[in-house]
Amino acid sequence: MTSAAVFGCTGAVGSQILATLLASDVASSVKTISRRLPIAQSPKLQAIEEGDITKWGGMISSLSPKLSMVFNAVGTTRATAGGIQNQWRIDHDSCVENAKAAKKAEVKTYVYISSGGTRGFLSSYVPYSKMKIGVENTIKDLDFEHAIILRPGMIIGRETSKAPMLEKMVESLKNLSQGVQDMIGQDQTTIGRAAVAAARMAEEGNAPSKYWVLEQADIVRLGRDEWKD
């Protein structure tokens, strides 16, 4: 029996990962740990409410049945967090601890939703990029049996937009060309489905490498072009 856990399950991408897992046969048991309970419901879902994000990683080893895969879609903005220090605590520190706890609990497949463009020329000067790079490097160093990093572009199609004008502009690019839009942003359903599809491939021994990075074109291919309902 394959058991999965989703962190960040109430966010745009995390909620889609959860919905995809519940609708598919990738995992027979799905757990979530979050500050507020997800809307999704299913007989195979166990949702745990925990307001203290620093406790999440430590709870991984106590979940039963033992987890085979973990999806980490935790992320916030500086404005929502109330400053760069709080954002760092959530986007970097908690994610690093989550990955370490998953490795200690012998989780086989670890999937992390990072961000596109974080490895650019000026990345070492941008706090957000430094957060994502730090988490990615930690996951790589932990040497999971399978580690999967997704680097989507701008997330579009969210119910609650974080940058309404910019996201609307990217969404409108579809009228020009789907390919043009795909180079800049991907909708949350595509990203969530790509994460689950990649995890399935890893579990079945079909991942192209032990440490697998999915850039935007890979996300579109796995999450939309090759997805079968």
Protein backbone atom coordinates (compact mmCIF):
# COMPACT_ATOMS: atom_id res chain seq x y z
CA MET A 1 0.00 0.00 0.00
CA THR A 2 1.43 3.38 -1.06
CA SER A 3 0.92 6.21 1.39
CA ALA A 4 1.50 9.88 0.52
CA ALA A 5 1.50 13.15 2.42
CA VAL A 6 0.88 16.62 1.03
CA PHE A 7 2.19 19.77 2.71
CA GLY A 8 0.84 23.08 1.50
CA CYS A 9 -2.43 21.32 0.64
CA THR A 10 -4.58 24.46 0.90
CA GLY A 11 -2.50 26.49 -1.56
CA ALA A 12 -3.03 26.68 -5.31
CA VAL A 13 -0.67 23.89 -6.38
CA GLY A 14 -0.91 21.83 -3.19
CA SER A 15 -4.70 21.62 -3.46
CA GLN A 16 -4.35 20.32 -7.02
CA ILE A 17 -1.77 17.75 -5.97
CA LEU A 18 -4.18 16.59 -3.28
CA ALA A 19 -7.15 16.46 -5.67
CA THR A 20 -5.11 14.48 -8.21
CA LEU A 21 -3.93 11.98 -5.61
CA LEU A 22 -7.46 11.45 -4.33
CA ALA A 23 -8.81 10.94 -7.84
CA SER A 24 -6.07 8.55 -8.96
CA ASP A 25 -4.58 5.25 -7.84
CA VAL A 26 -1.10 6.65 -7.21
CA ALA A 27 -1.59 6.43 -3.44
CA SER A 28 -4.06 4.31 -1.49
CA SER A 29 -3.70 6.51 1.60
CA VAL A 30 -3.22 10.30 1.63
CA LYS A 31 -2.33 12.48 4.62
CA THR A 32 -2.25 16.24 4.96
CA ILE A 33 -0.87 18.41 7.73
CA SER A 34 -1.86 22.05 7.50
CA ARG A 35 -2.84 25.15 9.46
CA ARG A 36 -6.39 24.83 8.17
CA LEU A 37 -8.14 21.75 6.86
CA PRO A 38 -8.44 21.24 3.09
CA ILE A 39 -11.83 21.37 1.41
CA ALA A 40 -11.28 18.02 -0.31
CA GLN A 41 -12.84 14.93 1.20
CA SER A 42 -12.27 11.25 0.53
CA PRO A 43 -12.33 7.94 2.41
CA LYS A 44 -8.58 7.63 1.81
CA LEU A 45 -7.80 11.12 3.15
CA GLN A 46 -6.65 11.82 6.70
CA ALA A 47 -6.39 15.57 7.25
CA ILE A 48 -4.56 16.82 10.33
CA GLU A 49 -4.88 20.41 11.52
CA GLU A 50 -1.75 21.85 13.15
CA GLY A 51 -1.28 25.60 13.45
CA ASP A 52 2.42 25.45 14.33
CA ILE A 53 4.34 24.94 11.09
CA THR A 54 7.53 24.11 13.02
CA LYS A 55 5.90 20.86 14.18
CA TRP A 56 5.02 19.54 10.72
CA GLY A 57 8.29 17.85 9.89
CA GLY A 58 8.43 16.05 13.22
CA MET A 59 5.01 14.54 12.60
CA ILE A 60 6.06 12.69 9.43
CA SER A 61 7.53 9.68 11.23
CA SER A 62 4.37 9.25 13.33
CA LEU A 63 2.00 8.91 10.37
CA SER A 64 0.59 5.48 9.65
CA PRO A 65 0.86 3.68 7.34
CA LYS A 66 4.48 4.62 6.75
CA LEU A 67 4.85 7.24 4.05
CA SER A 68 6.27 6.28 0.67
CA MET A 69 6.08 9.75 -0.89
CA VAL A 70 5.90 13.35 0.32
CA PHE A 71 4.79 16.36 -1.69
CA ASN A 72 5.92 19.75 -0.40
CA ALA A 73 4.07 22.69 -1.97
CA VAL A 74 4.54 25.07 0.95
CA GLY A 75 5.03 28.67 -0.12
CA THR A 76 4.04 32.21 0.76
CA THR A 77 4.82 35.79 -0.17
CA ARG A 78 6.69 38.46 1.76
CA ALA A 79 3.49 40.48 2.15
CA THR A 80 1.42 37.55 3.39
CA ALA A 81 4.14 36.41 5.79
CA GLY A 82 4.63 39.90 7.18
CA GLY A 83 8.21 40.44 6.10
CA ILE A 84 11.21 38.69 4.62
CA GLN A 85 12.24 37.11 7.93
CA ASN A 86 8.91 35.35 8.34
CA GLN A 87 8.86 34.36 4.68
CA TRP A 88 12.30 32.81 5.07
CA ARG A 89 11.08 30.85 8.09
CA ILE A 90 8.21 29.39 6.05
CA ASP A 91 9.66 29.06 2.55
CA HIS A 92 13.14 27.96 3.56
CA ASP A 93 13.52 26.81 7.15
CA SER A 94 10.30 24.79 7.42
CA CYS A 95 10.88 23.18 4.01
CA VAL A 96 14.45 22.21 4.90
CA GLU A 97 13.27 20.64 8.14
CA ASN A 98 10.45 18.88 6.30
CA ALA A 99 12.88 17.30 3.84
CA LYS A 100 15.26 16.22 6.60
CA ALA A 101 12.40 14.67 8.57
CA ALA A 102 11.16 12.83 5.48
CA LYS A 103 14.62 11.39 4.86
CA LYS A 104 14.87 10.31 8.50
CA ALA A 105 11.47 8.63 8.18
CA GLU A 106 12.79 6.72 5.13
CA VAL A 107 10.42 8.31 2.65
CA LYS A 108 11.34 7.00 -0.80
CA THR A 109 10.07 9.79 -3.07
CA TYR A 110 10.23 13.47 -2.18
CA VAL A 111 8.58 16.05 -4.46
CA TYR A 112 9.21 19.76 -3.98
CA ILE A 113 7.47 22.61 -5.78
CA SER A 114 10.17 25.21 -6.34
CA SER A 115 10.06 28.05 -8.87
CA GLY A 116 11.36 28.78 -12.35
CA GLY A 117 14.10 31.33 -12.82
CA THR A 118 15.66 30.89 -9.41
CA ARG A 119 19.01 29.84 -10.88
CA GLY A 120 19.47 32.94 -12.98
CA PHE A 121 22.41 35.35 -13.14
CA LEU A 122 21.17 37.50 -10.25
CA SER A 123 19.77 34.67 -8.13
CA SER A 124 22.40 35.04 -5.40
CA TYR A 125 21.12 38.58 -4.77
CA VAL A 126 17.40 37.79 -4.65
CA PRO A 127 16.09 36.51 -1.27
CA TYR A 128 13.27 34.48 -2.84
CA SER A 129 15.70 32.70 -5.17
CA LYS A 130 18.08 32.03 -2.29
CA MET A 131 15.26 30.40 -0.32
CA LYS A 132 14.34 28.05 -3.16
CA ILE A 133 17.95 27.23 -4.02
CA GLY A 134 18.68 26.44 -0.38
CA VAL A 135 15.79 23.97 -0.21
CA GLU A 136 16.67 22.38 -3.55
CA ASN A 137 20.30 21.91 -2.50
CA THR A 138 19.26 20.34 0.79
CA ILE A 139 16.98 17.87 -0.96
CA LYS A 140 19.74 16.91 -3.39
CA ASP A 141 22.27 16.43 -0.57
CA LEU A 142 19.87 14.24 1.41
CA ASP A 143 20.10 11.63 -1.38
CA PHE A 144 16.53 10.35 -1.45
CA GLU A 145 15.82 7.23 -3.46
CA HIS A 146 13.85 9.59 -5.71
CA ALA A 147 13.89 13.40 -5.46
CA ILE A 148 11.77 15.48 -7.83
CA ILE A 149 11.98 19.26 -8.15
CA LEU A 150 9.36 21.18 -10.12
CA ARG A 151 10.24 24.68 -11.33
CA PRO A 152 7.02 26.15 -12.72
CA GLY A 153 6.70 29.64 -14.09
CA MET A 154 4.03 32.03 -12.88
CA ILE A 155 1.11 30.10 -11.41
CA ILE A 156 -2.10 31.10 -13.15
CA GLY A 157 -5.74 30.12 -12.82
CA ARG A 158 -5.87 30.56 -9.06
CA GLU A 159 -9.10 31.40 -7.26
CA THR A 160 -7.22 33.96 -5.19
CA SER A 161 -4.61 35.72 -7.27
CA LYS A 162 -1.37 36.96 -5.72
CA ALA A 163 -0.63 39.37 -8.57
CA PRO A 164 -4.00 39.92 -10.32
CA MET A 165 -2.92 42.22 -13.16
CA LEU A 166 0.20 40.26 -14.05
CA GLU A 167 -1.52 36.88 -13.86
CA LYS A 168 -4.39 38.13 -16.03
CA MET A 169 -1.86 39.33 -18.59
CA VAL A 170 -0.17 35.92 -18.70
CA GLU A 171 -3.53 34.17 -18.92
CA SER A 172 -4.45 36.34 -21.90
CA LEU A 173 -1.37 35.14 -23.79
CA LYS A 174 -3.27 31.95 -24.54
CA ASN A 175 -5.28 33.96 -27.04
CA LEU A 176 -2.03 34.63 -28.88
CA SER A 177 -0.48 31.20 -28.51
CA GLN A 178 -0.64 28.39 -25.96
CA GLY A 179 3.07 27.88 -26.49
CA VAL A 180 3.87 31.48 -25.62
CA GLN A 181 1.83 31.25 -22.43
CA ASP A 182 3.53 27.96 -21.51
CA MET A 183 6.95 29.64 -21.59
CA ILE A 184 5.87 32.13 -18.91
CA GLY A 185 3.24 30.51 -16.71
CA GLN A 186 1.34 27.29 -16.08
CA ASP A 187 -2.04 26.76 -14.50
CA GLN A 188 -2.25 25.15 -11.08
CA THR A 189 -3.95 22.00 -12.38
CA THR A 190 -1.15 21.32 -14.85
CA ILE A 191 1.51 21.76 -12.16
CA GLY A 192 -0.30 19.56 -9.66
CA ARG A 193 -0.87 16.81 -12.19
CA ALA A 194 2.76 16.95 -13.31
CA ALA A 195 3.93 16.50 -9.72
CA VAL A 196 1.79 13.39 -9.26
CA ALA A 197 2.68 11.98 -12.68
CA ALA A 198 6.39 12.39 -11.95
CA ALA A 199 6.01 10.68 -8.57
CA ARG A 200 4.21 7.78 -10.22
CA MET A 201 7.03 7.42 -12.75
CA ALA A 202 9.60 7.42 -9.95
CA GLU A 203 7.71 4.80 -7.96
CA GLU A 204 7.47 2.62 -11.08
CA GLY A 205 11.18 2.98 -11.78
CA ASN A 206 10.68 5.14 -14.88
CA ALA A 207 12.19 8.43 -13.71
CA PRO A 208 15.07 9.58 -15.94
CA SER A 209 17.35 10.16 -12.95
CA LYS A 210 17.48 9.81 -9.19
CA TYR A 211 17.43 13.60 -8.77
CA TRP A 212 14.97 14.85 -11.36
CA VAL A 213 14.34 18.53 -12.12
CA LEU A 214 11.23 19.38 -14.14
CA GLU A 215 11.44 22.72 -15.90
CA GLN A 216 8.41 24.43 -17.39
CA ALA A 217 8.32 22.41 -20.64
CA ASP A 218 8.51 19.17 -18.65
CA ILE A 219 5.65 20.31 -16.41
CA VAL A 220 3.44 21.08 -19.42
CA ARG A 221 4.27 17.72 -21.01
CA LEU A 222 3.57 15.63 -17.93
CA GLY A 223 0.76 17.71 -16.51
CA ARG A 224 -1.26 18.38 -19.64
CA ASP A 225 0.00 16.95 -22.91
CA GLU A 226 0.47 13.38 -21.64
CA TRP A 227 -2.04 13.37 -18.78
CA LYS A 228 -4.82 10.85 -19.05
CA ASP A 229 -7.86 11.21 -16.81
